[in-house]
């Protein structure tokens, strides 16, 4: 288990790296879903995006610790 990540002398928690990776995946997936037109079927886009980000972040964290 990683305790801290040394980023130019500043120690940051590993969750920050996981959140950044999840953001990158979420952004690409969001653009792809928007291009396909999935957001026409979504009731609340902001809520959908938040839930999608939470799912991606949890999958990354579970995959790291498995």
Protein backbone atom coordinates (compact mmCIF):
# COMPACT_ATOMS: atom_id res chain seq x y z
CA UNK A 1 0.00 0.00 0.00
CA UNK A 2 1.33 3.42 -0.95
CA UNK A 3 1.58 5.78 2.01
CA UNK A 4 2.26 9.07 0.21
CA UNK A 5 3.39 10.21 -3.21
CA UNK A 6 6.33 12.61 -3.30
CA UNK A 7 5.51 15.27 -5.89
CA UNK A 8 8.47 17.69 -6.11
CA UNK A 9 8.94 17.62 -2.35
CA UNK A 10 5.24 17.83 -1.51
CA UNK A 11 3.65 14.70 -0.10
CA UNK A 12 0.17 14.09 -1.49
CA UNK A 13 -2.22 11.28 -0.64
CA UNK A 14 -2.56 8.47 -3.19
CA UNK A 15 -6.28 9.19 -3.50
CA UNK A 16 -5.34 12.36 -5.37
CA UNK A 17 -3.58 10.28 -8.03
CA UNK A 18 -6.55 7.90 -8.22
CA UNK A 19 -8.93 10.85 -8.56
CA UNK A 20 -6.82 12.35 -11.36
CA UNK A 21 -6.80 9.02 -13.21
CA UNK A 22 -10.55 8.70 -12.74
CA UNK A 23 -11.02 12.23 -14.06
CA UNK A 24 -9.06 11.40 -17.21
CA UNK A 25 -11.12 8.27 -17.85
CA UNK A 26 -14.36 10.09 -17.01
CA UNK A 27 -13.59 12.96 -19.39
CA UNK A 28 -12.91 10.64 -22.33
CA UNK A 29 -15.99 8.56 -21.55
CA UNK A 30 -18.16 11.67 -21.18
CA UNK A 31 -17.06 13.02 -24.55
CA UNK A 32 -17.70 9.64 -26.15
CA UNK A 33 -21.17 9.34 -24.63
CA UNK A 34 -21.96 12.87 -25.71
CA UNK A 35 -20.88 12.15 -29.28
CA UNK A 36 -23.07 9.05 -29.40
CA UNK A 37 -26.06 10.96 -28.01
CA UNK A 38 -26.65 9.10 -24.75
CA UNK A 39 -27.38 12.34 -22.91
CA UNK A 40 -30.70 12.63 -24.73
CA UNK A 41 -31.94 9.72 -22.60
CA UNK A 42 -30.51 11.00 -19.29
CA UNK A 43 -32.87 12.86 -16.97
CA UNK A 44 -30.27 14.92 -15.09
CA UNK A 45 -26.89 15.20 -16.81
CA UNK A 46 -24.98 16.61 -13.83
CA UNK A 47 -26.22 13.85 -11.55
CA UNK A 48 -25.38 11.24 -14.17
CA UNK A 49 -21.86 12.66 -14.58
CA UNK A 50 -21.28 12.69 -10.82
CA UNK A 51 -22.45 9.11 -10.46
CA UNK A 52 -20.32 8.04 -13.43
CA UNK A 53 -17.24 9.67 -11.89
CA UNK A 54 -17.93 7.99 -8.55
CA UNK A 55 -18.24 4.62 -10.22
CA UNK A 56 -15.02 5.06 -12.17
CA UNK A 57 -13.14 6.21 -9.06
CA UNK A 58 -14.40 3.27 -7.01
CA UNK A 59 -13.44 0.79 -9.76
CA UNK A 60 -9.93 2.25 -9.89
CA UNK A 61 -9.50 2.09 -6.11
CA UNK A 62 -10.84 -1.46 -5.92
CA UNK A 63 -8.58 -2.52 -8.81
CA UNK A 64 -5.52 -1.05 -7.07
CA UNK A 65 -6.16 -2.83 -3.76
CA UNK A 66 -7.20 -6.16 -5.22
